[in-house]
């Protein structure tokens, strides 16, 4: 199985928004190291968190992070390819997706989002609305290198954070039902 994505600038930028906004029932899609799931679980107004990843090693790493922060009981860990094994609705869905364009054989699923970079995001956004409560929101982070046209999806869009790096701009966006 592939390596686990370690928290980086995108993870910390997204975690700021998670800390500020999420509450209720939370889904952390592609949990990786578990940084978003634990950040959410540490909030008193978060009832429960479902941390999802296709990579079983990532789930073990996320569970270890949760235990070290004393938040294991609030988080349920589920191995799933996106929403394949998920049921129910959530107040918040958090996603730090693989969003960079493919580079070929050296790709890792933790960062390569497909040939154009947004194929995983595309599939996620098509499926996510079914799992989102009517007044719920999605928090997603991606790069300007992704060339994602977020406007083409049927969501209300609010850009919450932007961070300019040397070669790209990171964006944290809140999406909600129209």
Foldseek 3Di string as FASTA:
>chain_A
DDAFDDDDPQNVVLLVCLLVDDAEEEEEEQCGQQSSVQSNQVDPRYQAYEYEHQDVVSLVNNLVVCVVVVRNVRYHYDRDLQCHPPDAAGQEYEYAAQFAADPPPVDDRRNHCYNLRCVSVVVNLVPNVVRYPQNHKYKYKYKVNSVDPVVVGQWDKDWDDWDDDPPIIMTIIITHHD
